[in-house]
Amino acid sequence: MPDNLITGLSFAAAFGAALVGGVFFGFSNFIMAGLGRLPPAEGAAAMNSINVTVINPAFMTALFGTGLLCLAVAALSLGSLAALDARLILAAALLYVLGCDGVTMVLNVPLNNALAAAATGTPEAGALWTRYLSEWTLWNSVRTAACLAAAALFVWAGALRVAA
């Protein structure tokens, strides 16, 4: 049963990582560019609204629930690190937890908080918005890559397990 559990959890983690990575991909590739076309006060206001709205049960479960799932499947795989599939699971879990959830909490959230605290309509707020667009999108792209790479590694590990 543990083998089937690890395989199932690997595919579930792959799904979660791909889902979250897809959301981040959309942000990096067209949402932030669209917001950047707006006047700074409007773009910042729209992003602040998004940042409040994104804190909802569905997205938080996808984002952080996938992180917990990654930790669980990695823990279950620790006993068999001699096998390639277990090493892939561990690598995928670390990529997701550090590259997605870690980057979110250490880099993206503080940028969001700074944007929310900025006085709108000031030259400082305009400069912050310009910097925010660049820095937030860069770190969001890192999250995107980490999520999608983690998803691919989880699928690879699951496929190896199914083929065995």
C-alpha atoms as a PDB file:
ATOM      1  CA  MET A   1       0.000   0.000   0.000  1.00  0.00           C
ATOM      2  CA  PRO A   2       2.759   2.579   0.733  1.00  0.00           C
ATOM      3  CA  ASP A   3       4.046   2.216  -2.840  1.00  0.00           C
ATOM      4  CA  ASN A   4       0.593   2.989  -4.244  1.00  0.00           C
ATOM      5  CA  LEU A   5       0.233   5.849  -1.780  1.00  0.00           C
ATOM      6  CA  ILE A   6       3.542   7.409  -2.830  1.00  0.00           C
ATOM      7  CA  THR A   7       2.654   7.014  -6.512  1.00  0.00           C
ATOM      8  CA  GLY A   8      -0.775   8.571  -6.040  1.00  0.00           C
ATOM      9  CA  LEU A   9       0.610  11.422  -3.953  1.00  0.00           C
ATOM     10  CA  SER A  10       3.302  12.054  -6.582  1.00  0.00           C
ATOM     11  CA  PHE A  11       0.684  12.515  -9.269  1.00  0.00           C
ATOM     12  CA  ALA A  12      -1.483  14.649  -6.959  1.00  0.00           C
ATOM     13  CA  ALA A  13       1.516  16.858  -6.166  1.00  0.00           C
ATOM     14  CA  ALA A  14       2.268  17.103  -9.893  1.00  0.00           C
ATOM     15  CA  PHE A  15      -1.292  18.278 -10.516  1.00  0.00           C
ATOM     16  CA  GLY A  16      -1.126  20.865  -7.718  1.00  0.00           C
ATOM     17  CA  ALA A  17       2.260  22.176  -8.827  1.00  0.00           C
ATOM     18  CA  ALA A  18       1.113  22.427 -12.450  1.00  0.00           C
ATOM     19  CA  LEU A  19      -2.099  24.192 -11.439  1.00  0.00           C
ATOM     20  CA  VAL A  20      -0.271  26.794  -9.341  1.00  0.00           C
ATOM     21  CA  GLY A  21       2.443  27.139 -11.986  1.00  0.00           C
ATOM     22  CA  GLY A  22      -0.222  27.837 -14.597  1.00  0.00           C
ATOM     23  CA  VAL A  23      -1.684  30.640 -12.500  1.00  0.00           C
ATOM     24  CA  PHE A  24       1.772  32.152 -12.038  1.00  0.00           C
ATOM     25  CA  PHE A  25       2.524  31.718 -15.758  1.00  0.00           C
ATOM     26  CA  GLY A  26      -0.537  33.793 -16.639  1.00  0.00           C
ATOM     27  CA  PHE A  27       0.537  36.533 -14.265  1.00  0.00           C
ATOM     28  CA  SER A  28       4.094  36.721 -15.562  1.00  0.00           C
ATOM     29  CA  ASN A  29       3.138  36.563 -19.206  1.00  0.00           C
ATOM     30  CA  PHE A  30       0.133  38.806 -19.642  1.00  0.00           C
ATOM     31  CA  ILE A  31      -1.546  40.036 -16.474  1.00  0.00           C
ATOM     32  CA  MET A  32       1.434  42.036 -15.209  1.00  0.00           C
ATOM     33  CA  ALA A  33       2.092  43.380 -18.714  1.00  0.00           C
ATOM     34  CA  GLY A  34      -1.537  44.483 -18.914  1.00  0.00           C
ATOM     35  CA  LEU A  35      -1.377  46.160 -15.517  1.00  0.00           C
ATOM     36  CA  GLY A  36       1.872  47.856 -16.558  1.00  0.00           C
ATOM     37  CA  ARG A  37       0.059  49.513 -19.457  1.00  0.00           C
ATOM     38  CA  LEU A  38      -2.215  51.348 -17.035  1.00  0.00           C
ATOM     39  CA  PRO A  39      -1.308  54.637 -15.370  1.00  0.00           C
ATOM     40  CA  PRO A  40       0.712  53.811 -12.218  1.00  0.00           C
ATOM     41  CA  ALA A  41      -2.052  54.672  -9.734  1.00  0.00           C
ATOM     42  CA  GLU A  42      -4.566  52.511 -11.626  1.00  0.00           C
ATOM     43  CA  GLY A  43      -2.157  49.605 -12.105  1.00  0.00           C
ATOM     44  CA  ALA A  44      -1.183  49.621  -8.439  1.00  0.00           C
ATOM     45  CA  ALA A  45      -4.841  49.836  -7.354  1.00  0.00           C
ATOM     46  CA  ALA A  46      -5.749  46.908  -9.589  1.00  0.00           C
ATOM     47  CA  MET A  47      -2.843  44.827  -8.259  1.00  0.00           C
ATOM     48  CA  ASN A  48      -3.759  45.687  -4.670  1.00  0.00           C
ATOM     49  CA  SER A  49      -7.279  44.470  -5.387  1.00  0.00           C
ATOM     50  CA  ILE A  50      -5.941  41.235  -6.889  1.00  0.00           C
ATOM     51  CA  ASN A  51      -3.668  40.740  -3.875  1.00  0.00           C
ATOM     52  CA  VAL A  52      -6.657  40.933  -1.534  1.00  0.00           C
ATOM     53  CA  THR A  53      -8.870  38.749  -3.720  1.00  0.00           C
ATOM     54  CA  VAL A  54      -6.271  35.993  -4.178  1.00  0.00           C
ATOM     55  CA  ILE A  55      -6.367  35.235  -0.460  1.00  0.00           C
ATOM     56  CA  ASN A  56      -9.253  32.802  -0.721  1.00  0.00           C
ATOM     57  CA  PRO A  57      -9.700  29.161   0.296  1.00  0.00           C
ATOM     58  CA  ALA A  58      -9.378  27.711  -3.203  1.00  0.00           C
ATOM     59  CA  PHE A  59      -6.113  29.398  -4.148  1.00  0.00           C
ATOM     60  CA  MET A  60      -4.561  29.150  -0.678  1.00  0.00           C
ATOM     61  CA  THR A  61      -5.350  25.413  -0.651  1.00  0.00           C
ATOM     62  CA  ALA A  62      -3.766  24.992  -4.078  1.00  0.00           C
ATOM     63  CA  LEU A  63      -0.693  27.055  -3.173  1.00  0.00           C
ATOM     64  CA  PHE A  64       0.049  25.881   0.359  1.00  0.00           C
ATOM     65  CA  GLY A  65      -1.830  22.578   0.301  1.00  0.00           C
ATOM     66  CA  THR A  66       0.415  21.481  -2.551  1.00  0.00           C
ATOM     67  CA  GLY A  67       3.400  22.452  -0.412  1.00  0.00           C
ATOM     68  CA  LEU A  68       2.139  20.251   2.419  1.00  0.00           C
ATOM     69  CA  LEU A  69       1.496  17.431  -0.040  1.00  0.00           C
ATOM     70  CA  CYS A  70       5.054  17.804  -1.323  1.00  0.00           C
ATOM     71  CA  LEU A  71       6.434  17.524   2.191  1.00  0.00           C
ATOM     72  CA  ALA A  72       4.328  14.442   2.897  1.00  0.00           C
ATOM     73  CA  VAL A  73       5.331  12.557  -0.249  1.00  0.00           C
ATOM     74  CA  ALA A  74       8.967  13.543   0.239  1.00  0.00           C
ATOM     75  CA  ALA A  75       8.892  12.228   3.813  1.00  0.00           C
ATOM     76  CA  LEU A  76       7.388   8.953   2.623  1.00  0.00           C
ATOM     77  CA  SER A  77      10.146   8.641   0.012  1.00  0.00           C
ATOM     78  CA  LEU A  78      13.082   9.273   2.343  1.00  0.00           C
ATOM     79  CA  GLY A  79      13.477   5.591   3.145  1.00  0.00           C
ATOM     80  CA  SER A  80      14.266   4.673  -0.450  1.00  0.00           C
ATOM     81  CA  LEU A  81      16.611   7.411  -1.691  1.00  0.00           C
ATOM     82  CA  ALA A  82      18.743   4.808  -3.453  1.00  0.00           C
ATOM     83  CA  ALA A  83      15.979   4.654  -6.077  1.00  0.00           C
ATOM     84  CA  LEU A  84      15.790   7.309  -8.790  1.00  0.00           C
ATOM     85  CA  ASP A  85      12.051   7.876  -8.297  1.00  0.00           C
ATOM     86  CA  ALA A  86      12.563   8.754  -4.614  1.00  0.00           C
ATOM     87  CA  ARG A  87      15.326  11.225  -5.468  1.00  0.00           C
ATOM     88  CA  LEU A  88      13.092  12.802  -8.113  1.00  0.00           C
ATOM     89  CA  ILE A  89      10.286  13.136  -5.569  1.00  0.00           C
ATOM     90  CA  LEU A  90      12.635  14.766  -3.073  1.00  0.00           C
ATOM     91  CA  ALA A  91      13.974  17.163  -5.716  1.00  0.00           C
ATOM     92  CA  ALA A  92      10.452  18.029  -6.874  1.00  0.00           C
ATOM     93  CA  ALA A  93       9.272  18.637  -3.321  1.00  0.00           C
ATOM     94  CA  LEU A  94      12.232  20.899  -2.542  1.00  0.00           C
ATOM     95  CA  LEU A  95      11.733  22.813  -5.789  1.00  0.00           C
ATOM     96  CA  TYR A  96       8.090  23.454  -4.985  1.00  0.00           C
ATOM     97  CA  VAL A  97       8.445  24.236  -1.289  1.00  0.00           C
ATOM     98  CA  LEU A  98      11.478  26.511  -1.679  1.00  0.00           C
ATOM     99  CA  GLY A  99      10.924  27.868  -5.184  1.00  0.00           C
ATOM    100  CA  CYS A 100       7.201  28.426  -4.898  1.00  0.00           C
ATOM    101  CA  ASP A 101       6.052  28.737  -1.301  1.00  0.00           C
ATOM    102  CA  GLY A 102       9.415  30.042  -0.062  1.00  0.00           C
ATOM    103  CA  VAL A 103       9.754  32.691  -2.778  1.00  0.00           C
ATOM    104  CA  THR A 104       6.119  33.660  -2.223  1.00  0.00           C
ATOM    105  CA  MET A 105       6.585  34.309   1.489  1.00  0.00           C
ATOM    106  CA  VAL A 106      10.085  35.812   1.406  1.00  0.00           C
ATOM    107  CA  LEU A 107       9.912  37.914  -1.765  1.00  0.00           C
ATOM    108  CA  ASN A 108       6.470  38.339  -3.366  1.00  0.00           C
ATOM    109  CA  VAL A 109       4.415  38.933  -0.205  1.00  0.00           C
ATOM    110  CA  PRO A 110       6.727  41.689   1.112  1.00  0.00           C
ATOM    111  CA  LEU A 111       6.519  43.398  -2.283  1.00  0.00           C
ATOM    112  CA  ASN A 112       2.727  43.142  -2.100  1.00  0.00           C
ATOM    113  CA  ASN A 113       2.744  44.599   1.405  1.00  0.00           C
ATOM    114  CA  ALA A 114       4.942  47.519   0.329  1.00  0.00           C
ATOM    115  CA  LEU A 115       2.626  48.240  -2.585  1.00  0.00           C
ATOM    116  CA  ALA A 116      -0.432  48.158  -0.337  1.00  0.00           C
ATOM    117  CA  ALA A 117       1.204  50.559   2.141  1.00  0.00           C
ATOM    118  CA  ALA A 118       2.265  53.114  -0.485  1.00  0.00           C
ATOM    119  CA  ALA A 119       0.479  56.448  -0.606  1.00  0.00           C
ATOM    120  CA  THR A 120      -1.279  56.553  -3.972  1.00  0.00           C
ATOM    121  CA  GLY A 121      -0.691  59.338  -6.453  1.00  0.00           C
ATOM    122  CA  THR A 122       2.750  60.335  -5.163  1.00  0.00           C
ATOM    123  CA  PRO A 123       5.998  60.264  -7.149  1.00  0.00           C
ATOM    124  CA  GLU A 124       7.279  57.684  -4.646  1.00  0.00           C
ATOM    125  CA  ALA A 125       4.282  55.450  -5.340  1.00  0.00           C
ATOM    126  CA  GLY A 126       4.884  55.752  -9.082  1.00  0.00           C
ATOM    127  CA  ALA A 127       8.530  54.762  -8.640  1.00  0.00           C
ATOM    128  CA  LEU A 128       7.511  51.887  -6.365  1.00  0.00           C
ATOM    129  CA  TRP A 129       5.032  50.666  -8.983  1.00  0.00           C
ATOM    130  CA  THR A 130       7.713  50.663 -11.684  1.00  0.00           C
ATOM    131  CA  ARG A 131      10.092  48.718  -9.437  1.00  0.00           C
ATOM    132  CA  TYR A 132       7.280  46.433  -8.283  1.00  0.00           C
ATOM    133  CA  LEU A 133       6.356  45.469 -11.849  1.00  0.00           C
ATOM    134  CA  SER A 134       9.911  44.403 -12.576  1.00  0.00           C
ATOM    135  CA  GLU A 135      10.824  42.716  -9.279  1.00  0.00           C
ATOM    136  CA  TRP A 136       7.481  41.034  -8.620  1.00  0.00           C
ATOM    137  CA  THR A 137       7.326  39.656 -12.146  1.00  0.00           C
ATOM    138  CA  LEU A 138      10.905  38.360 -11.920  1.00  0.00           C
ATOM    139  CA  TRP A 139      10.181  36.472  -8.694  1.00  0.00           C
ATOM    140  CA  ASN A 140       6.844  35.314 -10.004  1.00  0.00           C
ATOM    141  CA  SER A 141       8.637  33.881 -13.030  1.00  0.00           C
ATOM    142  CA  VAL A 142      10.973  32.027 -10.656  1.00  0.00           C
ATOM    143  CA  ARG A 143       7.890  30.608  -8.912  1.00  0.00           C
ATOM    144  CA  THR A 144       6.447  29.616 -12.285  1.00  0.00           C
ATOM    145  CA  ALA A 145       9.600  27.757 -13.303  1.00  0.00           C
ATOM    146  CA  ALA A 146       9.887  26.049  -9.902  1.00  0.00           C
ATOM    147  CA  CYS A 147       6.267  24.875 -10.017  1.00  0.00           C
ATOM    148  CA  LEU A 148       6.432  23.561 -13.555  1.00  0.00           C
ATOM    149  CA  ALA A 149       9.800  21.867 -13.004  1.00  0.00           C
ATOM    150  CA  ALA A 150       8.456  20.280  -9.813  1.00  0.00           C
ATOM    151  CA  ALA A 151       5.372  19.059 -11.687  1.00  0.00           C
ATOM    152  CA  ALA A 152       7.554  17.497 -14.394  1.00  0.00           C
ATOM    153  CA  LEU A 153       9.764  15.763 -11.814  1.00  0.00           C
ATOM    154  CA  PHE A 154       6.734  14.424  -9.924  1.00  0.00           C
ATOM    155  CA  VAL A 155       5.278  13.036 -13.174  1.00  0.00           C
ATOM    156  CA  TRP A 156       8.623  11.463 -14.061  1.00  0.00           C
ATOM    157  CA  ALA A 157       8.850   9.856 -10.626  1.00  0.00           C
ATOM    158  CA  GLY A 158       5.252   8.649 -10.826  1.00  0.00           C
ATOM    159  CA  ALA A 159       5.810   7.219 -14.291  1.00  0.00           C
ATOM    160  CA  LEU A 160       8.901   5.336 -13.080  1.00  0.00           C
ATOM    161  CA  ARG A 161       6.891   3.946 -10.185  1.00  0.00           C
ATOM    162  CA  VAL A 162       4.017   2.842 -12.434  1.00  0.00           C
ATOM    163  CA  ALA A 163       6.433   1.230 -14.906  1.00  0.00           C
ATOM    164  CA  ALA A 164       8.249  -0.703 -12.156  1.00  0.00           C
END
